[in-house]
Structures are given as structure tokens and as C-alpha cells.
């Protein structure tokens, strides 16, 4: 008699995961084309979400493999707790150290806090229709926003604290009753979000320095430019034109 395969009870396998490629030479992302490639590649929302989809699938399979698939199955709480912790710990290290931290290090390098050496045109040049970015491109803020959303999605999709019955890490480890693995998982989560917070603060502080320096550059340069114009006008003949 052929027994039915137990794999029928397992969730449907998602497509094979292919990790996004981030060059070891981070200097290539400091150019305009490199920054554009970053936004359209590794920082796309669906690319950021793919690891979470595969991680939740692994959690579901682990939960079933160690006896959570039926009411009369023998549950190995110790092995299940350990396997769940290992998956979560690996995900925090991959999503943090390998993925988001590297991108945030690049974002910090993109910002140049030194203002330009030439005088500002104060809207009288060819780019008068475009608002001044004050040394920080719009894409920088968009990148930080995507990272912030990805971090929130990580916590919501994998940890899901206090959500009983969610079959996420917090819920699964609480059910196993293994306090050591639960504490270790909390530490892994803490290290991930501390790393994101520290790098995020470094990026924002550097961006604020750039904004501050560019505002000073515009004010000082604008005053100097206005004085030069007034000086030229005072030595020129009176004109009947209003402009």
C-alpha cells in the first residue's frame, strides 16, 4: 500500500530565491547612474520583500516538520524552538549585515556636506524652475523611506510581537516555552534594529549638515551677489526700463 506523501500538507513552495546583487565596489553607486541603478534594483520594494516571503515560508514548514501540523502529532518543542530561532537569527543577519547595512553605508557616502565653490544663482539661471535640493537629492530621502518600510515589514511579517496565533516567531517561540531561545531571538532582533537606527541617524545627520552648509552658502553667496549687482547699478547710467 502506497502511503500519501506528507508533502501535501506543506505550503506551496515559492519560486527559488535569488539574492539581489550588490557590488563590492561601492564607489560605482556614487555616480548618478549608480544611484539610479540602486533605486531600480536592490532598493525596489518587491526586491526588499522577497527575503521576507521566503523566510515566512521556512517558518511555516519548520512548524509543520516538528509536529505542529495536527492535533494528535508529537511535538518536539526543543527542536522546533531551536529551528525557529536559527531561521530568525539567520534572517536578521542577512537582512541587516548583508543587505540593509550595506545600502545605508552607501547612502552616507553619497552625501557631500561641502557647499559648491561658485556663487548661487538664486533662481536666475537655467534651473530656476527646479527647487534647490540643498545638497541632498530627493532619491536619498526616498531610499531611507524604503529602508524604513522594509524594516517595519520585517518586524511585522517575521516577529509580530504580541500577535497570538500569527504563527510568526514571537508566537511560535512563546508556544514552545523555551525561554533561552526566546531571549536569543529578542537579542537578534534588537541588534538588527539598533544597526538600522544607528546607520539611519548617521545618514540623516550628514544630510542635515549638507542642508545647513548649503543654506549658509545660499545666504552668504546671495548677499555677496546682491552687493555686486547694487555696486554695478550704482555706477551705471539711469535706465528708463523697469526690468
C-alpha atoms as a PDB file:
ATOM      1  CA  UNK A   1       0.000   0.000   0.000  1.00  0.00           C
ATOM      2  CA  UNK A   2       1.404   3.397  -1.007  1.00  0.00           C
ATOM      3  CA  UNK A   3       1.152   5.997   1.694  1.00  0.00           C
ATOM      4  CA  UNK A   4       0.257   9.507   0.615  1.00  0.00           C
ATOM      5  CA  UNK A   5       3.152  11.897   0.693  1.00  0.00           C
ATOM      6  CA  UNK A   6       3.264  14.145   3.734  1.00  0.00           C
ATOM      7  CA  UNK A   7       4.431  16.961   1.483  1.00  0.00           C
ATOM      8  CA  UNK A   8       0.793  17.532   0.525  1.00  0.00           C
ATOM      9  CA  UNK A   9       0.308  19.244   3.865  1.00  0.00           C
ATOM     10  CA  UNK A  10       3.216  21.585   3.344  1.00  0.00           C
ATOM     11  CA  UNK A  11       2.615  25.081   1.972  1.00  0.00           C
ATOM     12  CA  UNK A  12       3.217  25.687  -1.699  1.00  0.00           C
ATOM     13  CA  UNK A  13       6.871  26.313  -2.422  1.00  0.00           C
ATOM     14  CA  UNK A  14       7.601  29.841  -3.668  1.00  0.00           C
ATOM     15  CA  UNK A  15       9.931  30.309  -6.657  1.00  0.00           C
ATOM     16  CA  UNK A  16      13.632  29.816  -5.960  1.00  0.00           C
ATOM     17  CA  UNK A  17      15.053  32.831  -4.211  1.00  0.00           C
ATOM     18  CA  UNK A  18      17.787  34.734  -5.989  1.00  0.00           C
ATOM     19  CA  UNK A  19      19.536  37.198  -3.726  1.00  0.00           C
ATOM     20  CA  UNK A  20      19.946  40.717  -5.146  1.00  0.00           C
ATOM     21  CA  UNK A  21      23.431  41.615  -6.322  1.00  0.00           C
ATOM     22  CA  UNK A  22      25.308  44.436  -4.633  1.00  0.00           C
ATOM     23  CA  UNK A  23      28.773  45.164  -5.968  1.00  0.00           C
ATOM     24  CA  UNK A  24      31.663  45.055  -3.514  1.00  0.00           C
ATOM     25  CA  UNK A  25      32.955  48.193  -5.190  1.00  0.00           C
ATOM     26  CA  UNK A  26      30.578  50.660  -3.562  1.00  0.00           C
ATOM     27  CA  UNK A  27      32.143  53.634  -5.363  1.00  0.00           C
ATOM     28  CA  UNK A  28      30.176  52.768  -8.507  1.00  0.00           C
ATOM     29  CA  UNK A  29      26.979  53.768  -6.676  1.00  0.00           C
ATOM     30  CA  UNK A  30      28.284  57.290  -6.029  1.00  0.00           C
ATOM     31  CA  UNK A  31      27.658  58.304  -9.650  1.00  0.00           C
ATOM     32  CA  UNK A  32      24.260  59.397 -10.970  1.00  0.00           C
ATOM     33  CA  UNK A  33      23.851  56.184 -12.981  1.00  0.00           C
ATOM     34  CA  UNK A  34      24.935  54.109  -9.990  1.00  0.00           C
ATOM     35  CA  UNK A  35      22.405  55.756  -7.700  1.00  0.00           C
ATOM     36  CA  UNK A  36      19.686  55.186 -10.281  1.00  0.00           C
ATOM     37  CA  UNK A  37      20.655  51.508 -10.547  1.00  0.00           C
ATOM     38  CA  UNK A  38      20.454  51.224  -6.757  1.00  0.00           C
ATOM     39  CA  UNK A  39      16.901  52.589  -6.672  1.00  0.00           C
ATOM     40  CA  UNK A  40      15.713  50.496  -9.605  1.00  0.00           C
ATOM     41  CA  UNK A  41      17.410  47.308  -8.418  1.00  0.00           C
ATOM     42  CA  UNK A  42      18.222  46.293  -4.878  1.00  0.00           C
ATOM     43  CA  UNK A  43      16.025  49.020  -3.338  1.00  0.00           C
ATOM     44  CA  UNK A  44      12.853  48.205  -5.252  1.00  0.00           C
ATOM     45  CA  UNK A  45      10.023  47.403  -2.788  1.00  0.00           C
ATOM     46  CA  UNK A  46       9.335  43.976  -4.283  1.00  0.00           C
ATOM     47  CA  UNK A  47      13.052  43.083  -4.092  1.00  0.00           C
ATOM     48  CA  UNK A  48      13.166  44.146  -0.444  1.00  0.00           C
ATOM     49  CA  UNK A  49      10.120  41.986   0.276  1.00  0.00           C
ATOM     50  CA  UNK A  50      11.298  38.766  -1.400  1.00  0.00           C
ATOM     51  CA  UNK A  51      13.503  37.563   1.527  1.00  0.00           C
ATOM     52  CA  UNK A  52      10.568  38.005   3.917  1.00  0.00           C
ATOM     53  CA  UNK A  53       8.299  35.844   1.768  1.00  0.00           C
ATOM     54  CA  UNK A  54      10.820  33.008   1.757  1.00  0.00           C
ATOM     55  CA  UNK A  55      11.513  33.373   5.480  1.00  0.00           C
ATOM     56  CA  UNK A  56       7.827  33.109   6.413  1.00  0.00           C
ATOM     57  CA  UNK A  57       7.567  30.040   4.176  1.00  0.00           C
ATOM     58  CA  UNK A  58      10.513  28.467   6.017  1.00  0.00           C
ATOM     59  CA  UNK A  59       8.859  29.198   9.362  1.00  0.00           C
ATOM     60  CA  UNK A  60       5.643  27.520   8.247  1.00  0.00           C
ATOM     61  CA  UNK A  61       7.491  24.424   7.049  1.00  0.00           C
ATOM     62  CA  UNK A  62       9.545  24.221  10.236  1.00  0.00           C
ATOM     63  CA  UNK A  63       6.403  24.483  12.325  1.00  0.00           C
ATOM     64  CA  UNK A  64       4.860  21.534  10.465  1.00  0.00           C
ATOM     65  CA  UNK A  65       8.020  19.415  10.371  1.00  0.00           C
ATOM     66  CA  UNK A  66       8.365  19.452  14.145  1.00  0.00           C
ATOM     67  CA  UNK A  67       4.855  18.432  14.985  1.00  0.00           C
ATOM     68  CA  UNK A  68       2.543  21.413  14.701  1.00  0.00           C
ATOM     69  CA  UNK A  69       0.614  20.060  11.755  1.00  0.00           C
ATOM     70  CA  UNK A  70      -2.134  18.197  13.599  1.00  0.00           C
ATOM     71  CA  UNK A  71      -3.910  17.779  16.895  1.00  0.00           C
ATOM     72  CA  UNK A  72      -2.512  14.277  17.610  1.00  0.00           C
ATOM     73  CA  UNK A  73       1.071  14.753  16.457  1.00  0.00           C
ATOM     74  CA  UNK A  74       4.035  14.512  18.791  1.00  0.00           C
ATOM     75  CA  UNK A  75       5.542  17.948  19.240  1.00  0.00           C
ATOM     76  CA  UNK A  76       9.286  18.249  19.733  1.00  0.00           C
ATOM     77  CA  UNK A  77       9.280  21.682  21.358  1.00  0.00           C
ATOM     78  CA  UNK A  78      13.040  21.804  21.900  1.00  0.00           C
ATOM     79  CA  UNK A  79      13.945  21.046  18.282  1.00  0.00           C
ATOM     80  CA  UNK A  80      11.182  23.268  16.945  1.00  0.00           C
ATOM     81  CA  UNK A  81      12.265  26.158  19.145  1.00  0.00           C
ATOM     82  CA  UNK A  82      15.868  25.783  18.069  1.00  0.00           C
ATOM     83  CA  UNK A  83      14.999  25.588  14.365  1.00  0.00           C
ATOM     84  CA  UNK A  84      12.746  28.661  14.554  1.00  0.00           C
ATOM     85  CA  UNK A  85      15.429  30.651  16.338  1.00  0.00           C
ATOM     86  CA  UNK A  86      18.101  29.648  13.814  1.00  0.00           C
ATOM     87  CA  UNK A  87      15.914  30.753  10.880  1.00  0.00           C
ATOM     88  CA  UNK A  88      15.132  34.076  12.524  1.00  0.00           C
ATOM     89  CA  UNK A  89      18.740  34.671  13.567  1.00  0.00           C
ATOM     90  CA  UNK A  90      19.973  33.970  10.039  1.00  0.00           C
ATOM     91  CA  UNK A  91      17.366  36.353   8.634  1.00  0.00           C
ATOM     92  CA  UNK A  92      18.350  39.190  10.988  1.00  0.00           C
ATOM     93  CA  UNK A  93      21.992  38.780   9.977  1.00  0.00           C
ATOM     94  CA  UNK A  94      21.216  38.579   6.258  1.00  0.00           C
ATOM     95  CA  UNK A  95      18.681  41.409   6.205  1.00  0.00           C
ATOM     96  CA  UNK A  96      20.885  43.595   8.387  1.00  0.00           C
ATOM     97  CA  UNK A  97      24.604  42.930   7.965  1.00  0.00           C
ATOM     98  CA  UNK A  98      24.477  41.758   4.359  1.00  0.00           C
ATOM     99  CA  UNK A  99      21.582  43.750   2.910  1.00  0.00           C
ATOM    100  CA  UNK A 100      20.308  46.944   4.549  1.00  0.00           C
ATOM    101  CA  UNK A 101      23.507  47.937   6.362  1.00  0.00           C
ATOM    102  CA  UNK A 102      25.496  47.889   3.122  1.00  0.00           C
ATOM    103  CA  UNK A 103      22.934  50.092   1.377  1.00  0.00           C
ATOM    104  CA  UNK A 104      22.858  52.571   4.253  1.00  0.00           C
ATOM    105  CA  UNK A 105      26.657  52.800   4.221  1.00  0.00           C
ATOM    106  CA  UNK A 106      26.417  53.710   0.532  1.00  0.00           C
ATOM    107  CA  UNK A 107      23.747  56.348   1.229  1.00  0.00           C
ATOM    108  CA  UNK A 108      26.005  58.008   3.784  1.00  0.00           C
ATOM    109  CA  UNK A 109      28.847  58.168   1.243  1.00  0.00           C
ATOM    110  CA  UNK A 110      26.559  59.755  -1.367  1.00  0.00           C
ATOM    111  CA  UNK A 111      26.080  62.887   0.731  1.00  0.00           C
ATOM    112  CA  UNK A 112      28.669  65.650   0.260  1.00  0.00           C
ATOM    113  CA  UNK A 113      28.406  68.192   3.044  1.00  0.00           C
ATOM    114  CA  UNK A 114      30.675  70.785   1.400  1.00  0.00           C
ATOM    115  CA  UNK A 115      28.812  73.512  -0.452  1.00  0.00           C
ATOM    116  CA  UNK A 116      29.866  74.445  -4.033  1.00  0.00           C
ATOM    117  CA  UNK A 117      32.631  76.974  -4.520  1.00  0.00           C
ATOM    118  CA  UNK A 118      30.714  79.147  -7.001  1.00  0.00           C
ATOM    119  CA  UNK A 119      28.059  81.671  -6.035  1.00  0.00           C
ATOM    120  CA  UNK A 120      24.415  80.551  -6.116  1.00  0.00           C
ATOM    121  CA  UNK A 121      22.244  81.920  -8.954  1.00  0.00           C
ATOM    122  CA  UNK A 122      19.222  82.305  -6.634  1.00  0.00           C
ATOM    123  CA  UNK A 123      16.809  81.150  -9.307  1.00  0.00           C
ATOM    124  CA  UNK A 124      18.044  83.463 -12.064  1.00  0.00           C
ATOM    125  CA  UNK A 125      19.760  80.718 -14.041  1.00  0.00           C
ATOM    126  CA  UNK A 126      18.591  77.969 -16.372  1.00  0.00           C
ATOM    127  CA  UNK A 127      17.450  75.797 -13.494  1.00  0.00           C
ATOM    128  CA  UNK A 128      15.167  78.426 -11.972  1.00  0.00           C
ATOM    129  CA  UNK A 129      12.110  76.188 -12.401  1.00  0.00           C
ATOM    130  CA  UNK A 130      13.694  73.441 -10.305  1.00  0.00           C
ATOM    131  CA  UNK A 131      13.770  73.812  -6.493  1.00  0.00           C
ATOM    132  CA  UNK A 132      17.245  73.572  -4.971  1.00  0.00           C
ATOM    133  CA  UNK A 133      17.925  70.220  -3.297  1.00  0.00           C
ATOM    134  CA  UNK A 134      20.265  71.887  -0.767  1.00  0.00           C
ATOM    135  CA  UNK A 135      22.904  69.248  -1.349  1.00  0.00           C
ATOM    136  CA  UNK A 136      20.644  66.230  -0.737  1.00  0.00           C
ATOM    137  CA  UNK A 137      18.976  64.594  -3.702  1.00  0.00           C
ATOM    138  CA  UNK A 138      15.340  63.561  -3.469  1.00  0.00           C
ATOM    139  CA  UNK A 139      16.328  59.949  -4.110  1.00  0.00           C
ATOM    140  CA  UNK A 140      18.260  59.907  -0.829  1.00  0.00           C
ATOM    141  CA  UNK A 141      15.104  60.527   1.210  1.00  0.00           C
ATOM    142  CA  UNK A 142      13.168  58.045  -0.900  1.00  0.00           C
ATOM    143  CA  UNK A 143      15.829  55.392  -0.262  1.00  0.00           C
ATOM    144  CA  UNK A 144      15.649  55.958   3.503  1.00  0.00           C
ATOM    145  CA  UNK A 145      11.865  55.734   3.354  1.00  0.00           C
ATOM    146  CA  UNK A 146      12.038  52.390   1.548  1.00  0.00           C
ATOM    147  CA  UNK A 147      14.503  51.041   4.105  1.00  0.00           C
ATOM    148  CA  UNK A 148      12.241  52.220   6.928  1.00  0.00           C
ATOM    149  CA  UNK A 149       9.263  50.462   5.332  1.00  0.00           C
ATOM    150  CA  UNK A 150      11.331  47.310   4.800  1.00  0.00           C
ATOM    151  CA  UNK A 151      12.356  47.255   8.474  1.00  0.00           C
ATOM    152  CA  UNK A 152       8.734  47.645   9.553  1.00  0.00           C
ATOM    153  CA  UNK A 153       7.710  44.844   7.189  1.00  0.00           C
ATOM    154  CA  UNK A 154      10.436  42.603   8.637  1.00  0.00           C
ATOM    155  CA  UNK A 155       9.123  43.125  12.155  1.00  0.00           C
ATOM    156  CA  UNK A 156       5.517  42.704  11.088  1.00  0.00           C
ATOM    157  CA  UNK A 157       5.989  39.650   8.862  1.00  0.00           C
ATOM    158  CA  UNK A 158       8.538  37.708  10.926  1.00  0.00           C
ATOM    159  CA  UNK A 159       8.444  38.798  14.561  1.00  0.00           C
ATOM    160  CA  UNK A 160       4.853  40.056  15.044  1.00  0.00           C
ATOM    161  CA  UNK A 161       5.126  40.708  18.768  1.00  0.00           C
ATOM    162  CA  UNK A 162       2.056  40.022  20.947  1.00  0.00           C
ATOM    163  CA  UNK A 163       0.061  38.663  17.995  1.00  0.00           C
ATOM    164  CA  UNK A 164      -1.172  35.356  19.354  1.00  0.00           C
ATOM    165  CA  UNK A 165      -1.973  32.800  16.655  1.00  0.00           C
ATOM    166  CA  UNK A 166       0.016  34.613  13.970  1.00  0.00           C
ATOM    167  CA  UNK A 167       2.439  31.688  13.516  1.00  0.00           C
ATOM    168  CA  UNK A 168       5.295  34.158  13.459  1.00  0.00           C
ATOM    169  CA  UNK A 169       8.490  33.975  15.510  1.00  0.00           C
ATOM    170  CA  UNK A 170       7.169  35.630  18.672  1.00  0.00           C
ATOM    171  CA  UNK A 171       4.066  33.448  18.715  1.00  0.00           C
ATOM    172  CA  UNK A 172       5.896  30.219  17.850  1.00  0.00           C
ATOM    173  CA  UNK A 173       8.642  30.670  20.443  1.00  0.00           C
ATOM    174  CA  UNK A 174       6.137  31.579  23.165  1.00  0.00           C
ATOM    175  CA  UNK A 175       4.311  28.322  22.479  1.00  0.00           C
ATOM    176  CA  UNK A 176       7.485  26.242  22.770  1.00  0.00           C
ATOM    177  CA  UNK A 177       8.192  27.632  26.233  1.00  0.00           C
ATOM    178  CA  UNK A 178      11.932  27.774  25.583  1.00  0.00           C
ATOM    179  CA  UNK A 179      12.998  30.965  27.339  1.00  0.00           C
ATOM    180  CA  UNK A 180      16.639  30.738  26.231  1.00  0.00           C
ATOM    181  CA  UNK A 181      15.824  30.696  22.517  1.00  0.00           C
ATOM    182  CA  UNK A 182      13.169  33.367  23.001  1.00  0.00           C
ATOM    183  CA  UNK A 183      15.708  35.642  24.708  1.00  0.00           C
ATOM    184  CA  UNK A 184      18.296  34.931  21.997  1.00  0.00           C
ATOM    185  CA  UNK A 185      15.755  35.798  19.280  1.00  0.00           C
ATOM    186  CA  UNK A 186      14.924  39.077  21.023  1.00  0.00           C
ATOM    187  CA  UNK A 187      18.622  39.904  21.121  1.00  0.00           C
ATOM    188  CA  UNK A 188      18.980  39.193  17.388  1.00  0.00           C
ATOM    189  CA  UNK A 189      16.017  41.459  16.681  1.00  0.00           C
ATOM    190  CA  UNK A 190      17.466  44.176  18.906  1.00  0.00           C
ATOM    191  CA  UNK A 191      20.852  44.060  17.148  1.00  0.00           C
ATOM    192  CA  UNK A 192      19.180  44.336  13.731  1.00  0.00           C
ATOM    193  CA  UNK A 193      17.121  47.387  14.613  1.00  0.00           C
ATOM    194  CA  UNK A 194      19.914  49.035  16.574  1.00  0.00           C
ATOM    195  CA  UNK A 195      22.132  48.737  13.487  1.00  0.00           C
ATOM    196  CA  UNK A 196      19.408  50.224  11.277  1.00  0.00           C
ATOM    197  CA  UNK A 197      18.782  53.055  13.750  1.00  0.00           C
ATOM    198  CA  UNK A 198      22.462  53.944  14.149  1.00  0.00           C
ATOM    199  CA  UNK A 199      23.119  53.984  10.412  1.00  0.00           C
ATOM    200  CA  UNK A 200      19.896  55.860   9.749  1.00  0.00           C
ATOM    201  CA  UNK A 201      20.867  58.539  12.247  1.00  0.00           C
ATOM    202  CA  UNK A 202      24.335  58.827  10.683  1.00  0.00           C
ATOM    203  CA  UNK A 203      22.775  59.295   7.225  1.00  0.00           C
ATOM    204  CA  UNK A 204      20.258  61.885   8.433  1.00  0.00           C
ATOM    205  CA  UNK A 205      22.803  63.865  10.469  1.00  0.00           C
ATOM    206  CA  UNK A 206      25.137  64.034   7.477  1.00  0.00           C
ATOM    207  CA  UNK A 207      22.255  65.125   5.261  1.00  0.00           C
ATOM    208  CA  UNK A 208      21.323  67.847   7.756  1.00  0.00           C
ATOM    209  CA  UNK A 209      24.939  69.040   7.759  1.00  0.00           C
ATOM    210  CA  UNK A 210      24.763  69.276   3.975  1.00  0.00           C
ATOM    211  CA  UNK A 211      21.485  71.194   4.118  1.00  0.00           C
ATOM    212  CA  UNK A 212      22.869  73.571   6.760  1.00  0.00           C
ATOM    213  CA  UNK A 213      26.029  74.253   4.756  1.00  0.00           C
ATOM    214  CA  UNK A 214      24.058  74.827   1.563  1.00  0.00           C
ATOM    215  CA  UNK A 215      21.648  77.218   3.296  1.00  0.00           C
ATOM    216  CA  UNK A 216      24.620  79.193   4.601  1.00  0.00           C
ATOM    217  CA  UNK A 217      26.166  79.106   1.116  1.00  0.00           C
ATOM    218  CA  UNK A 218      22.979  80.491  -0.415  1.00  0.00           C
ATOM    219  CA  UNK A 219      22.571  83.213   2.224  1.00  0.00           C
ATOM    220  CA  UNK A 220      26.203  84.361   2.200  1.00  0.00           C
ATOM    221  CA  UNK A 221      26.609  83.926  -1.549  1.00  0.00           C
ATOM    222  CA  UNK A 222      23.284  85.598  -2.218  1.00  0.00           C
ATOM    223  CA  UNK A 223      24.227  88.635  -0.136  1.00  0.00           C
ATOM    224  CA  UNK A 224      27.560  88.894  -1.903  1.00  0.00           C
ATOM    225  CA  UNK A 225      25.862  88.611  -5.284  1.00  0.00           C
ATOM    226  CA  UNK A 226      23.288  91.254  -4.367  1.00  0.00           C
ATOM    227  CA  UNK A 227      26.028  93.675  -3.238  1.00  0.00           C
ATOM    228  CA  UNK A 228      27.853  93.203  -6.550  1.00  0.00           C
ATOM    229  CA  UNK A 229      24.683  93.888  -8.539  1.00  0.00           C
ATOM    230  CA  UNK A 230      23.932  97.003  -6.475  1.00  0.00           C
ATOM    231  CA  UNK A 231      27.509  98.200  -6.926  1.00  0.00           C
ATOM    232  CA  UNK A 232      27.305  97.766 -10.708  1.00  0.00           C
ATOM    233  CA  UNK A 233      23.939  99.514 -10.851  1.00  0.00           C
ATOM    234  CA  UNK A 234      25.198 102.477  -8.842  1.00  0.00           C
ATOM    235  CA  UNK A 235      27.958 103.119 -11.403  1.00  0.00           C
ATOM    236  CA  UNK A 236      25.760 102.651 -14.462  1.00  0.00           C
ATOM    237  CA  UNK A 237      23.644 105.266 -16.253  1.00  0.00           C
ATOM    238  CA  UNK A 238      19.966 105.618 -15.273  1.00  0.00           C
ATOM    239  CA  UNK A 239      17.678 103.460 -17.341  1.00  0.00           C
ATOM    240  CA  UNK A 240      14.094 104.069 -18.374  1.00  0.00           C
ATOM    241  CA  UNK A 241      13.356 100.321 -18.381  1.00  0.00           C
ATOM    242  CA  UNK A 242      11.701  98.831 -15.329  1.00  0.00           C
ATOM    243  CA  UNK A 243      13.491  95.473 -15.671  1.00  0.00           C
END
